[in-house]
Amino acid sequence: MALETFPVDLAPFYQSDAAQQELLNDALASGHAGYIANALGIIARARGMSGLAAQTGVKRQQLYRALSEDGNPTLETLTKVISALGFRLSVEREPGKAA
């Protein structure tokens, strides 16, 4: 008998700012585009996708699509979303990697 699985929305588990920041930092550290987009989607759903759409000027449906595991947000969408969520991107040298 095959195991039946179903999708789970993780947004309720990421209600605090600290949990959201940790999730996003982990996703960015992974370098996996799908994980980054999905992490942003989880945070966006936890805070309210409609409000985020209004803040960014990006349609709600477009945000759902771009901020999914299979999403591929443009750099413009990514920067708008990160800023609207109250985060900022920064760069630091990876330990052990030469310039």
PDB file of N, CA and C in Angstrom:
ATOM      1  N   MET A   1       0.845  -1.171   0.000  1.00  0.00           N
ATOM      2  CA  MET A   1       0.000   0.000   0.000  1.00  0.00           C
ATOM      3  C   MET A   1       0.901   1.249   0.000  1.00  0.00           C
ATOM      4  N   ALA A   2       0.640   2.143  -0.914  1.00  0.00           N
ATOM      5  CA  ALA A   2       1.428   3.361  -1.042  1.00  0.00           C
ATOM      6  C   ALA A   2       1.063   4.354   0.057  1.00  0.00           C
ATOM      7  N   LEU A   3       2.063   5.067   0.495  1.00  0.00           N
ATOM      8  CA  LEU A   3       1.857   6.082   1.513  1.00  0.00           C
ATOM      9  C   LEU A   3       1.257   7.325   0.864  1.00  0.00           C
ATOM     10  N   GLU A   4       0.172   7.808   1.418  1.00  0.00           N
ATOM     11  CA  GLU A   4      -0.485   9.002   0.880  1.00  0.00           C
ATOM     12  C   GLU A   4       0.060  10.231   1.598  1.00  0.00           C
ATOM     13  N   THR A   5       0.481  11.204   0.822  1.00  0.00           N
ATOM     14  CA  THR A   5       0.996  12.450   1.393  1.00  0.00           C
ATOM     15  C   THR A   5       0.117  13.610   0.949  1.00  0.00           C
ATOM     16  N   PHE A   6       0.229  14.709   1.650  1.00  0.00           N
ATOM     17  CA  PHE A   6      -0.544  15.890   1.291  1.00  0.00           C
ATOM     18  C   PHE A   6       0.282  17.123   1.638  1.00  0.00           C
ATOM     19  N   PRO A   7       0.078  18.212   0.912  1.00  0.00           N
ATOM     20  CA  PRO A   7       0.854  19.424   1.174  1.00  0.00           C
ATOM     21  C   PRO A   7       0.492  20.038   2.525  1.00  0.00           C
ATOM     22  N   VAL A   8       1.475  20.625   3.165  1.00  0.00           N
ATOM     23  CA  VAL A   8       1.286  21.278   4.459  1.00  0.00           C
ATOM     24  C   VAL A   8       1.761  22.715   4.337  1.00  0.00           C
ATOM     25  N   ASP A   9       0.959  23.656   4.800  1.00  0.00           N
ATOM     26  CA  ASP A   9       1.365  25.059   4.798  1.00  0.00           C
ATOM     27  C   ASP A   9       2.142  25.316   6.081  1.00  0.00           C
ATOM     28  N   LEU A  10       3.413  25.680   5.953  1.00  0.00           N
ATOM     29  CA  LEU A  10       4.275  25.898   7.104  1.00  0.00           C
ATOM     30  C   LEU A  10       4.152  27.302   7.699  1.00  0.00           C
ATOM     31  N   ALA A  11       3.398  28.182   7.052  1.00  0.00           N
ATOM     32  CA  ALA A  11       3.289  29.571   7.506  1.00  0.00           C
ATOM     33  C   ALA A  11       2.900  29.706   8.980  1.00  0.00           C
ATOM     34  N   PRO A  12       1.971  28.900   9.504  1.00  0.00           N
ATOM     35  CA  PRO A  12       1.618  29.049  10.922  1.00  0.00           C
ATOM     36  C   PRO A  12       2.778  28.792  11.881  1.00  0.00           C
ATOM     37  N   PHE A  13       3.808  28.084  11.433  1.00  0.00           N
ATOM     38  CA  PHE A  13       4.952  27.778  12.280  1.00  0.00           C
ATOM     39  C   PHE A  13       6.018  28.876  12.247  1.00  0.00           C
ATOM     40  N   TYR A  14       5.810  29.880  11.398  1.00  0.00           N
ATOM     41  CA  TYR A  14       6.785  30.960  11.244  1.00  0.00           C
ATOM     42  C   TYR A  14       6.124  32.315  11.484  1.00  0.00           C
ATOM     43  N   GLN A  15       5.530  32.472  12.639  1.00  0.00           N
ATOM     44  CA  GLN A  15       4.842  33.715  12.970  1.00  0.00           C
ATOM     45  C   GLN A  15       5.774  34.770  13.568  1.00  0.00           C
ATOM     46  N   SER A  16       6.843  34.350  14.223  1.00  0.00           N
ATOM     47  CA  SER A  16       7.729  35.326  14.879  1.00  0.00           C
ATOM     48  C   SER A  16       8.775  35.853  13.900  1.00  0.00           C
ATOM     49  N   ASP A  17       9.212  37.079  14.142  1.00  0.00           N
ATOM     50  CA  ASP A  17      10.259  37.681  13.319  1.00  0.00           C
ATOM     51  C   ASP A  17      11.537  36.853  13.362  1.00  0.00           C
ATOM     52  N   ALA A  18      11.882  36.346  14.539  1.00  0.00           N
ATOM     53  CA  ALA A  18      13.113  35.565  14.692  1.00  0.00           C
ATOM     54  C   ALA A  18      13.055  34.276  13.861  1.00  0.00           C
ATOM     55  N   ALA A  19      11.923  33.595  13.884  1.00  0.00           N
ATOM     56  CA  ALA A  19      11.769  32.362  13.106  1.00  0.00           C
ATOM     57  C   ALA A  19      11.835  32.658  11.616  1.00  0.00           C
ATOM     58  N   GLN A  20      11.223  33.755  11.204  1.00  0.00           N
ATOM     59  CA  GLN A  20      11.240  34.132   9.791  1.00  0.00           C
ATOM     60  C   GLN A  20      12.651  34.475   9.343  1.00  0.00           C
ATOM     61  N   GLN A  21      13.370  35.221  10.169  1.00  0.00           N
ATOM     62  CA  GLN A  21      14.743  35.598   9.828  1.00  0.00           C
ATOM     63  C   GLN A  21      15.630  34.357   9.735  1.00  0.00           C
ATOM     64  N   GLU A  22      15.483  33.437  10.658  1.00  0.00           N
ATOM     65  CA  GLU A  22      16.280  32.214  10.634  1.00  0.00           C
ATOM     66  C   GLU A  22      15.977  31.389   9.383  1.00  0.00           C
ATOM     67  N   LEU A  23      14.706  31.260   9.028  1.00  0.00           N
ATOM     68  CA  LEU A  23      14.321  30.527   7.823  1.00  0.00           C
ATOM     69  C   LEU A  23      14.943  31.159   6.582  1.00  0.00           C
ATOM     70  N   LEU A  24      14.825  32.477   6.455  1.00  0.00           N
ATOM     71  CA  LEU A  24      15.352  33.154   5.272  1.00  0.00           C
ATOM     72  C   LEU A  24      16.879  33.068   5.220  1.00  0.00           C
ATOM     73  N   ASN A  25      17.554  33.231   6.345  1.00  0.00           N
ATOM     74  CA  ASN A  25      19.012  33.100   6.360  1.00  0.00           C
ATOM     75  C   ASN A  25      19.449  31.694   5.959  1.00  0.00           C
ATOM     76  N   ASP A  26      18.741  30.682   6.443  1.00  0.00           N
ATOM     77  CA  ASP A  26      19.066  29.306   6.079  1.00  0.00           C
ATOM     78  C   ASP A  26      18.869  29.083   4.581  1.00  0.00           C
ATOM     79  N   ALA A  27      17.778  29.620   4.046  1.00  0.00           N
ATOM     80  CA  ALA A  27      17.505  29.469   2.619  1.00  0.00           C
ATOM     81  C   ALA A  27      18.585  30.163   1.784  1.00  0.00           C
ATOM     82  N   LEU A  28      18.940  31.385   2.160  1.00  0.00           N
ATOM     83  CA  LEU A  28      19.974  32.115   1.424  1.00  0.00           C
ATOM     84  C   LEU A  28      21.317  31.401   1.513  1.00  0.00           C
ATOM     85  N   ALA A  29      21.645  30.858   2.669  1.00  0.00           N
ATOM     86  CA  ALA A  29      22.913  30.143   2.839  1.00  0.00           C
ATOM     87  C   ALA A  29      22.975  28.886   1.976  1.00  0.00           C
ATOM     88  N   SER A  30      21.814  28.288   1.717  1.00  0.00           N
ATOM     89  CA  SER A  30      21.791  27.075   0.900  1.00  0.00           C
ATOM     90  C   SER A  30      22.133  27.355  -0.559  1.00  0.00           C
ATOM     91  N   GLY A  31      21.806  28.567  -1.013  1.00  0.00           N
ATOM     92  CA  GLY A  31      22.043  28.909  -2.412  1.00  0.00           C
ATOM     93  C   GLY A  31      21.060  28.264  -3.375  1.00  0.00           C
ATOM     94  N   HIS A  32      20.058  27.585  -2.869  1.00  0.00           N
ATOM     95  CA  HIS A  32      19.069  26.894  -3.702  1.00  0.00           C
ATOM     96  C   HIS A  32      17.907  27.844  -3.997  1.00  0.00           C
ATOM     97  N   ALA A  33      17.748  28.199  -5.263  1.00  0.00           N
ATOM     98  CA  ALA A  33      16.743  29.190  -5.661  1.00  0.00           C
ATOM     99  C   ALA A  33      15.332  28.787  -5.243  1.00  0.00           C
ATOM    100  N   GLY A  34      14.994  27.518  -5.381  1.00  0.00           N
ATOM    101  CA  GLY A  34      13.664  27.055  -5.007  1.00  0.00           C
ATOM    102  C   GLY A  34      13.408  27.180  -3.514  1.00  0.00           C
ATOM    103  N   TYR A  35      14.417  26.893  -2.726  1.00  0.00           N
ATOM    104  CA  TYR A  35      14.294  27.013  -1.268  1.00  0.00           C
ATOM    105  C   TYR A  35      14.141  28.474  -0.876  1.00  0.00           C
ATOM    106  N   ILE A  36      14.905  29.360  -1.500  1.00  0.00           N
ATOM    107  CA  ILE A  36      14.814  30.792  -1.202  1.00  0.00           C
ATOM    108  C   ILE A  36      13.419  31.318  -1.535  1.00  0.00           C
ATOM    109  N   ALA A  37      12.940  30.998  -2.730  1.00  0.00           N
ATOM    110  CA  ALA A  37      11.606  31.454  -3.139  1.00  0.00           C
ATOM    111  C   ALA A  37      10.538  30.897  -2.210  1.00  0.00           C
ATOM    112  N   ASN A  38      10.642  29.612  -1.861  1.00  0.00           N
ATOM    113  CA  ASN A  38       9.660  28.983  -0.989  1.00  0.00           C
ATOM    114  C   ASN A  38       9.702  29.583   0.410  1.00  0.00           C
ATOM    115  N   ALA A  39      10.892  29.867   0.933  1.00  0.00           N
ATOM    116  CA  ALA A  39      11.019  30.483   2.257  1.00  0.00           C
ATOM    117  C   ALA A  39      10.347  31.853   2.271  1.00  0.00           C
ATOM    118  N   LEU A  40      10.574  32.636   1.221  1.00  0.00           N
ATOM    119  CA  LEU A  40       9.912  33.939   1.123  1.00  0.00           C
ATOM    120  C   LEU A  40       8.395  33.772   1.045  1.00  0.00           C
ATOM    121  N   GLY A  41       7.947  32.744   0.339  1.00  0.00           N
ATOM    122  CA  GLY A  41       6.512  32.473   0.242  1.00  0.00           C
ATOM    123  C   GLY A  41       5.910  32.109   1.582  1.00  0.00           C
ATOM    124  N   ILE A  42       6.617  31.312   2.379  1.00  0.00           N
ATOM    125  CA  ILE A  42       6.142  30.935   3.710  1.00  0.00           C
ATOM    126  C   ILE A  42       6.003  32.182   4.580  1.00  0.00           C
ATOM    127  N   ILE A  43       7.019  33.040   4.546  1.00  0.00           N
ATOM    128  CA  ILE A  43       6.995  34.263   5.344  1.00  0.00           C
ATOM    129  C   ILE A  43       5.881  35.191   4.861  1.00  0.00           C
ATOM    130  N   ALA A  44       5.728  35.296   3.544  1.00  0.00           N
ATOM    131  CA  ALA A  44       4.679  36.155   2.975  1.00  0.00           C
ATOM    132  C   ALA A  44       3.293  35.675   3.394  1.00  0.00           C
ATOM    133  N   ARG A  45       3.059  34.361   3.380  1.00  0.00           N
ATOM    134  CA  ARG A  45       1.759  33.837   3.796  1.00  0.00           C
ATOM    135  C   ARG A  45       1.549  34.039   5.289  1.00  0.00           C
ATOM    136  N   ALA A  46       2.617  33.927   6.075  1.00  0.00           N
ATOM    137  CA  ALA A  46       2.502  34.140   7.522  1.00  0.00           C
ATOM    138  C   ALA A  46       2.104  35.580   7.836  1.00  0.00           C
ATOM    139  N   ARG A  47       2.569  36.516   7.026  1.00  0.00           N
ATOM    140  CA  ARG A  47       2.283  37.938   7.273  1.00  0.00           C
ATOM    141  C   ARG A  47       1.059  38.442   6.527  1.00  0.00           C
ATOM    142  N   GLY A  48       0.662  37.727   5.486  1.00  0.00           N
ATOM    143  CA  GLY A  48      -0.502  38.129   4.700  1.00  0.00           C
ATOM    144  C   GLY A  48      -0.119  38.519   3.284  1.00  0.00           C
ATOM    145  N   MET A  49      -0.459  37.670   2.358  1.00  0.00           N
ATOM    146  CA  MET A  49      -0.068  37.867   0.965  1.00  0.00           C
ATOM    147  C   MET A  49      -0.741  39.090   0.351  1.00  0.00           C
ATOM    148  N   SER A  50      -1.976  39.364   0.715  1.00  0.00           N
ATOM    149  CA  SER A  50      -2.679  40.519   0.140  1.00  0.00           C
ATOM    150  C   SER A  50      -2.001  41.829   0.528  1.00  0.00           C
ATOM    151  N   GLY A  51      -1.612  41.944   1.790  1.00  0.00           N
ATOM    152  CA  GLY A  51      -0.915  43.147   2.239  1.00  0.00           C
ATOM    153  C   GLY A  51       0.426  43.302   1.548  1.00  0.00           C
ATOM    154  N   LEU A  52       1.126  42.190   1.362  1.00  0.00           N
ATOM    155  CA  LEU A  52       2.412  42.228   0.673  1.00  0.00           C
ATOM    156  C   LEU A  52       2.233  42.657  -0.779  1.00  0.00           C
ATOM    157  N   ALA A  53       1.188  42.166  -1.410  1.00  0.00           N
ATOM    158  CA  ALA A  53       0.902  42.562  -2.787  1.00  0.00           C
ATOM    159  C   ALA A  53       0.669  44.065  -2.883  1.00  0.00           C
ATOM    160  N   ALA A  54      -0.064  44.604  -1.935  1.00  0.00           N
ATOM    161  CA  ALA A  54      -0.331  46.051  -1.931  1.00  0.00           C
ATOM    162  C   ALA A  54       0.957  46.845  -1.721  1.00  0.00           C
ATOM    163  N   GLN A  55       1.819  46.373  -0.819  1.00  0.00           N
ATOM    164  CA  GLN A  55       3.070  47.071  -0.538  1.00  0.00           C
ATOM    165  C   GLN A  55       4.046  47.034  -1.704  1.00  0.00           C
ATOM    166  N   THR A  56       4.086  45.925  -2.404  1.00  0.00           N
ATOM    167  CA  THR A  56       5.077  45.752  -3.464  1.00  0.00           C
ATOM    168  C   THR A  56       4.580  46.197  -4.830  1.00  0.00           C
ATOM    169  N   GLY A  57       3.276  46.266  -4.997  1.00  0.00           N
ATOM    170  CA  GLY A  57       2.728  46.576  -6.312  1.00  0.00           C
ATOM    171  C   GLY A  57       2.736  45.389  -7.251  1.00  0.00           C
ATOM    172  N   VAL A  58       2.975  44.195  -6.695  1.00  0.00           N
ATOM    173  CA  VAL A  58       2.976  42.953  -7.471  1.00  0.00           C
ATOM    174  C   VAL A  58       1.666  42.238  -7.179  1.00  0.00           C
ATOM    175  N   LYS A  59       0.995  41.744  -8.217  1.00  0.00           N
ATOM    176  CA  LYS A  59      -0.288  41.066  -8.021  1.00  0.00           C
ATOM    177  C   LYS A  59      -0.134  39.847  -7.127  1.00  0.00           C
ATOM    178  N   ARG A  60      -1.148  39.634  -6.301  1.00  0.00           N
ATOM    179  CA  ARG A  60      -1.146  38.530  -5.338  1.00  0.00           C
ATOM    180  C   ARG A  60      -0.904  37.181  -6.011  1.00  0.00           C
ATOM    181  N   GLN A  61      -1.582  36.940  -7.119  1.00  0.00           N
ATOM    182  CA  GLN A  61      -1.425  35.671  -7.830  1.00  0.00           C
ATOM    183  C   GLN A  61       0.009  35.498  -8.333  1.00  0.00           C
ATOM    184  N   GLN A  62       0.602  36.606  -8.778  1.00  0.00           N
ATOM    185  CA  GLN A  62       1.984  36.558  -9.256  1.00  0.00           C
ATOM    186  C   GLN A  62       2.936  36.242  -8.099  1.00  0.00           C
ATOM    187  N   LEU A  63       2.656  36.799  -6.922  1.00  0.00           N
ATOM    188  CA  LEU A  63       3.484  36.507  -5.758  1.00  0.00           C
ATOM    189  C   LEU A  63       3.381  35.040  -5.363  1.00  0.00           C
ATOM    190  N   TYR A  64       2.154  34.495  -5.348  1.00  0.00           N
ATOM    191  CA  TYR A  64       1.987  33.078  -5.027  1.00  0.00           C
ATOM    192  C   TYR A  64       2.799  32.216  -5.986  1.00  0.00           C
ATOM    193  N   ARG A  65       2.770  32.547  -7.252  1.00  0.00           N
ATOM    194  CA  ARG A  65       3.482  31.770  -8.270  1.00  0.00           C
ATOM    195  C   ARG A  65       4.998  31.924  -8.101  1.00  0.00           C
ATOM    196  N   ALA A  66       5.468  33.160  -7.941  1.00  0.00           N
ATOM    197  CA  ALA A  66       6.907  33.424  -7.857  1.00  0.00           C
ATOM    198  C   ALA A  66       7.514  32.903  -6.559  1.00  0.00           C
ATOM    199  N   LEU A  67       6.742  32.947  -5.476  1.00  0.00           N
ATOM    200  CA  LEU A  67       7.260  32.572  -4.166  1.00  0.00           C
ATOM    201  C   LEU A  67       6.840  31.166  -3.770  1.00  0.00           C
ATOM    202  N   SER A  68       6.952  30.265  -4.711  1.00  0.00           N
ATOM    203  CA  SER A  68       6.669  28.854  -4.457  1.00  0.00           C
ATOM    204  C   SER A  68       7.967  28.075  -4.652  1.00  0.00           C
ATOM    205  N   GLU A  69       7.938  26.812  -4.294  1.00  0.00           N
ATOM    206  CA  GLU A  69       9.134  25.976  -4.434  1.00  0.00           C
ATOM    207  C   GLU A  69       9.602  25.910  -5.887  1.00  0.00           C
ATOM    208  N   ASP A  70       8.666  25.973  -6.815  1.00  0.00           N
ATOM    209  CA  ASP A  70       9.002  25.955  -8.238  1.00  0.00           C
ATOM    210  C   ASP A  70       9.096  27.357  -8.821  1.00  0.00           C
ATOM    211  N   GLY A  71       8.938  28.374  -7.979  1.00  0.00           N
ATOM    212  CA  GLY A  71       8.943  29.756  -8.442  1.00  0.00           C
ATOM    213  C   GLY A  71      10.322  30.222  -8.854  1.00  0.00           C
ATOM    214  N   ASN A  72      10.323  31.277  -9.644  1.00  0.00           N
ATOM    215  CA  ASN A  72      11.571  31.873 -10.096  1.00  0.00           C
ATOM    216  C   ASN A  72      11.356  33.384 -10.163  1.00  0.00           C
ATOM    217  N   PRO A  73      11.332  34.052  -8.991  1.00  0.00           N
ATOM    218  CA  PRO A  73      11.049  35.485  -8.991  1.00  0.00           C
ATOM    219  C   PRO A  73      12.163  36.271  -9.679  1.00  0.00           C
ATOM    220  N   THR A  74      11.777  37.345 -10.321  1.00  0.00           N
ATOM    221  CA  THR A  74      12.782  38.220 -10.913  1.00  0.00           C
ATOM    222  C   THR A  74      13.537  38.907  -9.776  1.00  0.00           C
ATOM    223  N   LEU A  75      14.674  39.468 -10.110  1.00  0.00           N
ATOM    224  CA  LEU A  75      15.439  40.198  -9.107  1.00  0.00           C
ATOM    225  C   LEU A  75      14.628  41.366  -8.574  1.00  0.00           C
ATOM    226  N   GLU A  76      13.872  42.013  -9.439  1.00  0.00           N
ATOM    227  CA  GLU A  76      13.028  43.140  -9.027  1.00  0.00           C
ATOM    228  C   GLU A  76      11.983  42.689  -8.005  1.00  0.00           C
ATOM    229  N   THR A  77      11.303  41.581  -8.287  1.00  0.00           N
ATOM    230  CA  THR A  77      10.301  41.056  -7.356  1.00  0.00           C
ATOM    231  C   THR A  77      10.962  40.655  -6.053  1.00  0.00           C
ATOM    232  N   LEU A  78      12.097  39.987  -6.141  1.00  0.00           N
ATOM    233  CA  LEU A  78      12.819  39.553  -4.956  1.00  0.00           C
ATOM    234  C   LEU A  78      13.180  40.729  -4.059  1.00  0.00           C
ATOM    235  N   THR A  79      13.719  41.783  -4.628  1.00  0.00           N
ATOM    236  CA  THR A  79      14.120  42.941  -3.812  1.00  0.00           C
ATOM    237  C   THR A  79      12.907  43.664  -3.236  1.00  0.00           C
ATOM    238  N   LYS A  80      11.827  43.761  -3.992  1.00  0.00           N
ATOM    239  CA  LYS A  80      10.609  44.380  -3.474  1.00  0.00           C
ATOM    240  C   LYS A  80      10.050  43.599  -2.291  1.00  0.00           C
ATOM    241  N   VAL A  81      10.008  42.287  -2.425  1.00  0.00           N
ATOM    242  CA  VAL A  81       9.450  41.434  -1.374  1.00  0.00           C
ATOM    243  C   VAL A  81      10.319  41.493  -0.127  1.00  0.00           C
ATOM    244  N   ILE A  82      11.622  41.349  -0.290  1.00  0.00           N
ATOM    245  CA  ILE A  82      12.511  41.369   0.868  1.00  0.00           C
ATOM    246  C   ILE A  82      12.401  42.700   1.602  1.00  0.00           C
ATOM    247  N   SER A  83      12.353  43.793   0.871  1.00  0.00           N
ATOM    248  CA  SER A  83      12.231  45.114   1.489  1.00  0.00           C
ATOM    249  C   SER A  83      10.879  45.262   2.194  1.00  0.00           C
ATOM    250  N   ALA A  84       9.805  44.850   1.543  1.00  0.00           N
ATOM    251  CA  ALA A  84       8.466  44.967   2.129  1.00  0.00           C
ATOM    252  C   ALA A  84       8.338  44.113   3.392  1.00  0.00           C
ATOM    253  N   LEU A  85       9.079  43.024   3.464  1.00  0.00           N
ATOM    254  CA  LEU A  85       9.042  42.162   4.643  1.00  0.00           C
ATOM    255  C   LEU A  85       9.924  42.706   5.771  1.00  0.00           C
ATOM    256  N   GLY A  86      10.651  43.782   5.485  1.00  0.00           N
ATOM    257  CA  GLY A  86      11.487  44.400   6.511  1.00  0.00           C
ATOM    258  C   GLY A  86      12.876  43.800   6.628  1.00  0.00           C
ATOM    259  N   PHE A  87      13.294  43.073   5.606  1.00  0.00           N
ATOM    260  CA  PHE A  87      14.629  42.485   5.590  1.00  0.00           C
ATOM    261  C   PHE A  87      15.504  43.241   4.593  1.00  0.00           C
ATOM    262  N   ARG A  88      16.791  42.971   4.636  1.00  0.00           N
ATOM    263  CA  ARG A  88      17.705  43.491   3.632  1.00  0.00           C
ATOM    264  C   ARG A  88      18.730  42.422   3.322  1.00  0.00           C
ATOM    265  N   LEU A  89      19.226  42.448   2.123  1.00  0.00           N
ATOM    266  CA  LEU A  89      20.256  41.502   1.713  1.00  0.00           C
ATOM    267  C   LEU A  89      21.623  42.112   1.990  1.00  0.00           C
ATOM    268  N   SER A  90      22.567  41.277   2.343  1.00  0.00           N
ATOM    269  CA  SER A  90      23.951  41.721   2.482  1.00  0.00           C
ATOM    270  C   SER A  90      24.849  40.582   2.009  1.00  0.00           C
ATOM    271  N   VAL A  91      26.081  40.921   1.771  1.00  0.00           N
ATOM    272  CA  VAL A  91      27.033  39.941   1.259  1.00  0.00           C
ATOM    273  C   VAL A  91      28.204  39.846   2.223  1.00  0.00           C
ATOM    274  N   GLU A  92      28.665  38.631   2.443  1.00  0.00           N
ATOM    275  CA  GLU A  92      29.858  38.434   3.232  1.00  0.00           C
ATOM    276  C   GLU A  92      30.683  37.343   2.562  1.00  0.00           C
ATOM    277  N   ARG A  93      31.976  37.413   2.739  1.00  0.00           N
ATOM    278  CA  ARG A  93      32.870  36.425   2.137  1.00  0.00           C
ATOM    279  C   ARG A  93      32.643  35.084   2.801  1.00  0.00           C
ATOM    280  N   GLU A  94      32.578  34.041   1.978  1.00  0.00           N
ATOM    281  CA  GLU A  94      32.418  32.687   2.482  1.00  0.00           C
ATOM    282  C   GLU A  94      33.750  32.217   3.035  1.00  0.00           C
ATOM    283  N   PRO A  95      33.779  31.713   4.260  1.00  0.00           N
ATOM    284  CA  PRO A  95      35.046  31.276   4.863  1.00  0.00           C
ATOM    285  C   PRO A  95      35.745  30.228   3.997  1.00  0.00           C
ATOM    286  N   GLY A  96      37.041  30.416   3.825  1.00  0.00           N
ATOM    287  CA  GLY A  96      37.830  29.440   3.085  1.00  0.00           C
ATOM    288  C   GLY A  96      37.813  29.597   1.580  1.00  0.00           C
ATOM    289  N   LYS A  97      37.074  30.561   1.057  1.00  0.00           N
ATOM    290  CA  LYS A  97      37.032  30.771  -0.393  1.00  0.00           C
ATOM    291  C   LYS A  97      37.833  32.013  -0.721  1.00  0.00           C
ATOM    292  N   ALA A  98      38.745  31.879  -1.658  1.00  0.00           N
ATOM    293  CA  ALA A  98      39.576  33.010  -2.075  1.00  0.00           C
ATOM    294  C   ALA A  98      38.798  33.924  -3.007  1.00  0.00           C
ATOM    295  N   ALA A  99      39.255  35.142  -3.070  1.00  0.00           N
ATOM    296  CA  ALA A  99      38.613  36.134  -3.945  1.00  0.00           C
ATOM    297  C   ALA A  99      38.925  35.881  -5.399  1.00  0.00           C
TER     298      ALA A  99
END
